[in-house]
Amino acid sequence: NIYPNPSRTSFSVNVNVSDIEIYDLAGKLVQTFNGDFTRTDSFDISNLNTGLYIVKVENDSNQTMTTKLVKL
């Protein structure tokens, strides 16, 4: 899960992740985070415009999850 959602400046993920990709509703990739992140890391989205985004999260086991994120 992504929290807080909706968010103004940053969000966290409740699992360890290796890659995060954020897409706008048109399917355009607007931001990526690559590395070894833990559930205590937060991801800065303050540069994104207000709106709805699709977040694709890949964990250390190469499992992928997709969810929606509301940016306030």
PDB file of N, CA and C in Angstrom:
ATOM      1  N   ASN A   1       0.831  -1.194   0.000  1.00  0.00           N
ATOM      2  CA  ASN A   1       0.000   0.000   0.000  1.00  0.00           C
ATOM      3  C   ASN A   1       0.872   1.252   0.000  1.00  0.00           C
ATOM      4  N   ILE A   2       0.348   2.278  -0.631  1.00  0.00           N
ATOM      5  CA  ILE A   2       0.989   3.591  -0.642  1.00  0.00           C
ATOM      6  C   ILE A   2       0.295   4.452   0.410  1.00  0.00           C
ATOM      7  N   TYR A   3       1.075   5.160   1.192  1.00  0.00           N
ATOM      8  CA  TYR A   3       0.491   6.034   2.211  1.00  0.00           C
ATOM      9  C   TYR A   3       1.370   7.259   2.399  1.00  0.00           C
ATOM     10  N   PRO A   4       0.904   8.408   2.788  1.00  0.00           N
ATOM     11  CA  PRO A   4      -0.524   8.726   2.780  1.00  0.00           C
ATOM     12  C   PRO A   4      -1.021   8.859   1.346  1.00  0.00           C
ATOM     13  N   ASN A   5      -2.263   8.581   1.155  1.00  0.00           N
ATOM     14  CA  ASN A   5      -2.876   8.700  -0.155  1.00  0.00           C
ATOM     15  C   ASN A   5      -4.306   9.175   0.039  1.00  0.00           C
ATOM     16  N   PRO A   6      -4.610  10.416  -0.277  1.00  0.00           N
ATOM     17  CA  PRO A   6      -3.861  11.371  -1.077  1.00  0.00           C
ATOM     18  C   PRO A   6      -2.671  11.976  -0.328  1.00  0.00           C
ATOM     19  N   SER A   7      -1.742  12.557  -1.107  1.00  0.00           N
ATOM     20  CA  SER A   7      -0.522  13.122  -0.554  1.00  0.00           C
ATOM     21  C   SER A   7      -0.218  14.467  -1.204  1.00  0.00           C
ATOM     22  N   ARG A   8       0.465  15.328  -0.458  1.00  0.00           N
ATOM     23  CA  ARG A   8       0.867  16.633  -0.999  1.00  0.00           C
ATOM     24  C   ARG A   8       2.326  16.628  -1.463  1.00  0.00           C
ATOM     25  N   THR A   9       3.223  16.041  -0.670  1.00  0.00           N
ATOM     26  CA  THR A   9       4.648  16.192  -0.966  1.00  0.00           C
ATOM     27  C   THR A   9       5.410  14.885  -1.114  1.00  0.00           C
ATOM     28  N   SER A  10       4.991  13.838  -0.418  1.00  0.00           N
ATOM     29  CA  SER A  10       5.730  12.574  -0.484  1.00  0.00           C
ATOM     30  C   SER A  10       4.829  11.420  -0.072  1.00  0.00           C
ATOM     31  N   PHE A  11       5.292  10.206  -0.395  1.00  0.00           N
ATOM     32  CA  PHE A  11       4.567   9.014   0.023  1.00  0.00           C
ATOM     33  C   PHE A  11       5.567   7.936   0.386  1.00  0.00           C
ATOM     34  N   SER A  12       5.092   6.903   1.057  1.00  0.00           N
ATOM     35  CA  SER A  12       5.890   5.737   1.413  1.00  0.00           C
ATOM     36  C   SER A  12       5.155   4.491   0.941  1.00  0.00           C
ATOM     37  N   VAL A  13       5.887   3.383   0.898  1.00  0.00           N
ATOM     38  CA  VAL A  13       5.323   2.103   0.500  1.00  0.00           C
ATOM     39  C   VAL A  13       5.563   1.131   1.654  1.00  0.00           C
ATOM     40  N   ASN A  14       4.590   0.266   1.953  1.00  0.00           N
ATOM     41  CA  ASN A  14       4.694  -0.583   3.146  1.00  0.00           C
ATOM     42  C   ASN A  14       5.499  -1.866   2.926  1.00  0.00           C
ATOM     43  N   VAL A  15       6.283  -1.936   1.835  1.00  0.00           N
ATOM     44  CA  VAL A  15       7.167  -3.077   1.578  1.00  0.00           C
ATOM     45  C   VAL A  15       8.500  -2.561   1.063  1.00  0.00           C
ATOM     46  N   ASN A  16       9.522  -3.403   1.086  1.00  0.00           N
ATOM     47  CA  ASN A  16      10.795  -3.054   0.476  1.00  0.00           C
ATOM     48  C   ASN A  16      10.631  -3.082  -1.034  1.00  0.00           C
ATOM     49  N   VAL A  17      11.146  -2.066  -1.724  1.00  0.00           N
ATOM     50  CA  VAL A  17      10.979  -1.979  -3.172  1.00  0.00           C
ATOM     51  C   VAL A  17      12.308  -1.663  -3.846  1.00  0.00           C
ATOM     52  N   SER A  18      12.371  -2.035  -5.135  1.00  0.00           N
ATOM     53  CA  SER A  18      13.570  -1.733  -5.909  1.00  0.00           C
ATOM     54  C   SER A  18      13.331  -0.648  -6.950  1.00  0.00           C
ATOM     55  N   ASP A  19      12.127  -0.559  -7.488  1.00  0.00           N
ATOM     56  CA  ASP A  19      11.821   0.441  -8.503  1.00  0.00           C
ATOM     57  C   ASP A  19      10.409   0.967  -8.331  1.00  0.00           C
ATOM     58  N   ILE A  20      10.256   2.269  -8.547  1.00  0.00           N
ATOM     59  CA  ILE A  20       8.938   2.895  -8.559  1.00  0.00           C
ATOM     60  C   ILE A  20       8.858   3.763  -9.797  1.00  0.00           C
ATOM     61  N   GLU A  21       7.782   3.585 -10.547  1.00  0.00           N
ATOM     62  CA  GLU A  21       7.524   4.409 -11.720  1.00  0.00           C
ATOM     63  C   GLU A  21       6.170   5.076 -11.536  1.00  0.00           C
ATOM     64  N   ILE A  22       6.119   6.372 -11.818  1.00  0.00           N
ATOM     65  CA  ILE A  22       4.875   7.131 -11.683  1.00  0.00           C
ATOM     66  C   ILE A  22       4.467   7.619 -13.066  1.00  0.00           C
ATOM     67  N   TYR A  23       3.211   7.310 -13.439  1.00  0.00           N
ATOM     68  CA  TYR A  23       2.671   7.665 -14.742  1.00  0.00           C
ATOM     69  C   TYR A  23       1.491   8.604 -14.569  1.00  0.00           C
ATOM     70  N   ASP A  24       1.345   9.545 -15.509  1.00  0.00           N
ATOM     71  CA  ASP A  24       0.118  10.334 -15.511  1.00  0.00           C
ATOM     72  C   ASP A  24      -0.988   9.512 -16.178  1.00  0.00           C
ATOM     73  N   LEU A  25      -2.193  10.048 -16.219  1.00  0.00           N
ATOM     74  CA  LEU A  25      -3.325   9.279 -16.737  1.00  0.00           C
ATOM     75  C   LEU A  25      -3.257   9.060 -18.248  1.00  0.00           C
ATOM     76  N   ALA A  26      -2.397   9.820 -18.933  1.00  0.00           N
ATOM     77  CA  ALA A  26      -2.202   9.617 -20.364  1.00  0.00           C
ATOM     78  C   ALA A  26      -1.203   8.496 -20.633  1.00  0.00           C
ATOM     79  N   GLY A  27      -0.614   7.950 -19.561  1.00  0.00           N
ATOM     80  CA  GLY A  27       0.346   6.869 -19.709  1.00  0.00           C
ATOM     81  C   GLY A  27       1.786   7.323 -19.837  1.00  0.00           C
ATOM     82  N   LYS A  28       2.022   8.609 -19.665  1.00  0.00           N
ATOM     83  CA  LYS A  28       3.374   9.156 -19.770  1.00  0.00           C
ATOM     84  C   LYS A  28       4.119   8.956 -18.445  1.00  0.00           C
ATOM     85  N   LEU A  29       5.341   8.425 -18.534  1.00  0.00           N
ATOM     86  CA  LEU A  29       6.185   8.259 -17.352  1.00  0.00           C
ATOM     87  C   LEU A  29       6.645   9.636 -16.896  1.00  0.00           C
ATOM     88  N   VAL A  30       6.324  10.013 -15.661  1.00  0.00           N
ATOM     89  CA  VAL A  30       6.643  11.355 -15.178  1.00  0.00           C
ATOM     90  C   VAL A  30       7.701  11.373 -14.087  1.00  0.00           C
ATOM     91  N   GLN A  31       7.933  10.231 -13.408  1.00  0.00           N
ATOM     92  CA  GLN A  31       8.958  10.185 -12.372  1.00  0.00           C
ATOM     93  C   GLN A  31       9.329   8.742 -12.067  1.00  0.00           C
ATOM     94  N   THR A  32      10.613   8.519 -11.770  1.00  0.00           N
ATOM     95  CA  THR A  32      11.078   7.186 -11.391  1.00  0.00           C
ATOM     96  C   THR A  32      11.965   7.280 -10.162  1.00  0.00           C
ATOM     97  N   PHE A  33      11.982   6.202  -9.406  1.00  0.00           N
ATOM     98  CA  PHE A  33      12.891   6.025  -8.275  1.00  0.00           C
ATOM     99  C   PHE A  33      13.493   4.635  -8.424  1.00  0.00           C
ATOM    100  N   ASN A  34      14.824   4.544  -8.477  1.00  0.00           N
ATOM    101  CA  ASN A  34      15.506   3.261  -8.627  1.00  0.00           C
ATOM    102  C   ASN A  34      16.501   3.083  -7.487  1.00  0.00           C
ATOM    103  N   GLY A  35      16.536   1.881  -6.929  1.00  0.00           N
ATOM    104  CA  GLY A  35      17.457   1.596  -5.835  1.00  0.00           C
ATOM    105  C   GLY A  35      16.881   0.549  -4.921  1.00  0.00           C
ATOM    106  N   ASP A  36      17.511   0.379  -3.794  1.00  0.00           N
ATOM    107  CA  ASP A  36      17.015  -0.547  -2.774  1.00  0.00           C
ATOM    108  C   ASP A  36      16.396   0.280  -1.662  1.00  0.00           C
ATOM    109  N   PHE A  37      15.071   0.325  -1.646  1.00  0.00           N
ATOM    110  CA  PHE A  37      14.352   1.139  -0.679  1.00  0.00           C
ATOM    111  C   PHE A  37      13.660   0.253   0.346  1.00  0.00           C
ATOM    112  N   THR A  38      13.596   0.733   1.567  1.00  0.00           N
ATOM    113  CA  THR A  38      12.907   0.011   2.632  1.00  0.00           C
ATOM    114  C   THR A  38      11.573   0.681   2.908  1.00  0.00           C
ATOM    115  N   ARG A  39      10.782   0.060   3.740  1.00  0.00           N
ATOM    116  CA  ARG A  39       9.456   0.606   4.057  1.00  0.00           C
ATOM    117  C   ARG A  39       9.536   1.909   4.844  1.00  0.00           C
ATOM    118  N   THR A  40      10.725   2.302   5.301  1.00  0.00           N
ATOM    119  CA  THR A  40      10.876   3.568   6.025  1.00  0.00           C
ATOM    120  C   THR A  40      11.234   4.729   5.102  1.00  0.00           C
ATOM    121  N   ASP A  41      11.559   4.442   3.840  1.00  0.00           N
ATOM    122  CA  ASP A  41      11.909   5.497   2.887  1.00  0.00           C
ATOM    123  C   ASP A  41      10.659   6.214   2.398  1.00  0.00           C
ATOM    124  N   SER A  42      10.824   7.503   2.086  1.00  0.00           N
ATOM    125  CA  SER A  42       9.717   8.251   1.488  1.00  0.00           C
ATOM    126  C   SER A  42      10.161   8.761   0.119  1.00  0.00           C
ATOM    127  N   PHE A  43       9.179   9.008  -0.738  1.00  0.00           N
ATOM    128  CA  PHE A  43       9.437   9.378  -2.120  1.00  0.00           C
ATOM    129  C   PHE A  43       8.826  10.746  -2.389  1.00  0.00           C
ATOM    130  N   ASP A  44       9.665  11.690  -2.793  1.00  0.00           N
ATOM    131  CA  ASP A  44       9.266  13.079  -2.981  1.00  0.00           C
ATOM    132  C   ASP A  44       8.497  13.250  -4.286  1.00  0.00           C
ATOM    133  N   ILE A  45       7.274  13.746  -4.183  1.00  0.00           N
ATOM    134  CA  ILE A  45       6.463  14.024  -5.370  1.00  0.00           C
ATOM    135  C   ILE A  45       6.030  15.489  -5.401  1.00  0.00           C
ATOM    136  N   SER A  46       6.749  16.345  -4.693  1.00  0.00           N
ATOM    137  CA  SER A  46       6.361  17.750  -4.614  1.00  0.00           C
ATOM    138  C   SER A  46       6.439  18.444  -5.971  1.00  0.00           C
ATOM    139  N   ASN A  47       7.230  17.908  -6.906  1.00  0.00           N
ATOM    140  CA  ASN A  47       7.362  18.525  -8.229  1.00  0.00           C
ATOM    141  C   ASN A  47       6.214  18.154  -9.172  1.00  0.00           C
ATOM    142  N   LEU A  48       5.388  17.175  -8.808  1.00  0.00           N
ATOM    143  CA  LEU A  48       4.283  16.758  -9.670  1.00  0.00           C
ATOM    144  C   LEU A  48       3.093  17.701  -9.532  1.00  0.00           C
ATOM    145  N   ASN A  49       2.353  17.852 -10.611  1.00  0.00           N
ATOM    146  CA  ASN A  49       1.139  18.660 -10.582  1.00  0.00           C
ATOM    147  C   ASN A  49       0.043  17.931  -9.799  1.00  0.00           C
ATOM    148  N   THR A  50      -0.906  18.674  -9.300  1.00  0.00           N
ATOM    149  CA  THR A  50      -2.059  18.101  -8.620  1.00  0.00           C
ATOM    150  C   THR A  50      -2.816  17.210  -9.596  1.00  0.00           C
ATOM    151  N   GLY A  51      -3.227  16.025  -9.124  1.00  0.00           N
ATOM    152  CA  GLY A  51      -3.996  15.142  -9.981  1.00  0.00           C
ATOM    153  C   GLY A  51      -3.869  13.693  -9.584  1.00  0.00           C
ATOM    154  N   LEU A  52      -4.325  12.823 -10.473  1.00  0.00           N
ATOM    155  CA  LEU A  52      -4.323  11.379 -10.244  1.00  0.00           C
ATOM    156  C   LEU A  52      -3.192  10.749 -11.043  1.00  0.00           C
ATOM    157  N   TYR A  53      -2.454   9.852 -10.406  1.00  0.00           N
ATOM    158  CA  TYR A  53      -1.317   9.177 -11.028  1.00  0.00           C
ATOM    159  C   TYR A  53      -1.423   7.674 -10.820  1.00  0.00           C
ATOM    160  N   ILE A  54      -0.781   6.937 -11.694  1.00  0.00           N
ATOM    161  CA  ILE A  54      -0.662   5.492 -11.570  1.00  0.00           C
ATOM    162  C   ILE A  54       0.768   5.207 -11.112  1.00  0.00           C
ATOM    163  N   VAL A  55       0.900   4.442 -10.041  1.00  0.00           N
ATOM    164  CA  VAL A  55       2.208   4.127  -9.490  1.00  0.00           C
ATOM    165  C   VAL A  55       2.469   2.637  -9.655  1.00  0.00           C
ATOM    166  N   LYS A  56       3.567   2.315 -10.312  1.00  0.00           N
ATOM    167  CA  LYS A  56       3.982   0.932 -10.520  1.00  0.00           C
ATOM    168  C   LYS A  56       5.178   0.667  -9.606  1.00  0.00           C
ATOM    169  N   VAL A  57       5.012  -0.309  -8.720  1.00  0.00           N
ATOM    170  CA  VAL A  57       6.021  -0.622  -7.714  1.00  0.00           C
ATOM    171  C   VAL A  57       6.548  -2.026  -7.957  1.00  0.00           C
ATOM    172  N   GLU A  58       7.867  -2.172  -7.986  1.00  0.00           N
ATOM    173  CA  GLU A  58       8.484  -3.494  -8.124  1.00  0.00           C
ATOM    174  C   GLU A  58       9.268  -3.789  -6.860  1.00  0.00           C
ATOM    175  N   ASN A  59       9.023  -4.971  -6.279  1.00  0.00           N
ATOM    176  CA  ASN A  59       9.729  -5.323  -5.050  1.00  0.00           C
ATOM    177  C   ASN A  59      11.016  -6.087  -5.360  1.00  0.00           C
ATOM    178  N   ASP A  60      11.724  -6.471  -4.305  1.00  0.00           N
ATOM    179  CA  ASP A  60      13.014  -7.151  -4.457  1.00  0.00           C
ATOM    180  C   ASP A  60      12.882  -8.495  -5.155  1.00  0.00           C
ATOM    181  N   SER A  61      11.698  -9.089  -5.168  1.00  0.00           N
ATOM    182  CA  SER A  61      11.476 -10.391  -5.790  1.00  0.00           C
ATOM    183  C   SER A  61      10.945 -10.264  -7.217  1.00  0.00           C
ATOM    184  N   ASN A  62      11.047  -9.051  -7.793  1.00  0.00           N
ATOM    185  CA  ASN A  62      10.572  -8.763  -9.144  1.00  0.00           C
ATOM    186  C   ASN A  62       9.061  -8.918  -9.300  1.00  0.00           C
ATOM    187  N   GLN A  63       8.325  -8.800  -8.203  1.00  0.00           N
ATOM    188  CA  GLN A  63       6.868  -8.778  -8.266  1.00  0.00           C
ATOM    189  C   GLN A  63       6.432  -7.328  -8.440  1.00  0.00           C
ATOM    190  N   THR A  64       5.425  -7.113  -9.295  1.00  0.00           N
ATOM    191  CA  THR A  64       4.987  -5.763  -9.611  1.00  0.00           C
ATOM    192  C   THR A  64       3.575  -5.525  -9.096  1.00  0.00           C
ATOM    193  N   MET A  65       3.365  -4.336  -8.534  1.00  0.00           N
ATOM    194  CA  MET A  65       2.054  -3.905  -8.059  1.00  0.00           C
ATOM    195  C   MET A  65       1.756  -2.549  -8.684  1.00  0.00           C
ATOM    196  N   THR A  66       0.535  -2.334  -9.086  1.00  0.00           N
ATOM    197  CA  THR A  66       0.133  -1.047  -9.646  1.00  0.00           C
ATOM    198  C   THR A  66      -1.022  -0.517  -8.817  1.00  0.00           C
ATOM    199  N   THR A  67      -0.949   0.780  -8.480  1.00  0.00           N
ATOM    200  CA  THR A  67      -2.004   1.394  -7.684  1.00  0.00           C
ATOM    201  C   THR A  67      -2.156   2.848  -8.092  1.00  0.00           C
ATOM    202  N   LYS A  68      -3.215   3.482  -7.622  1.00  0.00           N
ATOM    203  CA  LYS A  68      -3.462   4.888  -7.917  1.00  0.00           C
ATOM    204  C   LYS A  68      -2.946   5.746  -6.764  1.00  0.00           C
ATOM    205  N   LEU A  69      -2.502   6.945  -7.123  1.00  0.00           N
ATOM    206  CA  LEU A  69      -2.043   7.915  -6.127  1.00  0.00           C
ATOM    207  C   LEU A  69      -2.667   9.260  -6.465  1.00  0.00           C
ATOM    208  N   VAL A  70      -3.254   9.899  -5.468  1.00  0.00           N
ATOM    209  CA  VAL A  70      -3.825  11.225  -5.650  1.00  0.00           C
ATOM    210  C   VAL A  70      -2.833  12.234  -5.081  1.00  0.00           C
ATOM    211  N   LYS A  71      -2.417  13.178  -5.943  1.00  0.00           N
ATOM    212  CA  LYS A  71      -1.504  14.254  -5.524  1.00  0.00           C
ATOM    213  C   LYS A  71      -2.333  15.487  -5.287  1.00  0.00           C
ATOM    214  N   LEU A  72      -2.282  16.029  -4.072  1.00  0.00           N
ATOM    215  CA  LEU A  72      -3.047  17.234  -3.714  1.00  0.00           C
ATOM    216  C   LEU A  72      -2.229  18.483  -3.986  1.00  0.00           C
TER     217      LEU A  72
END
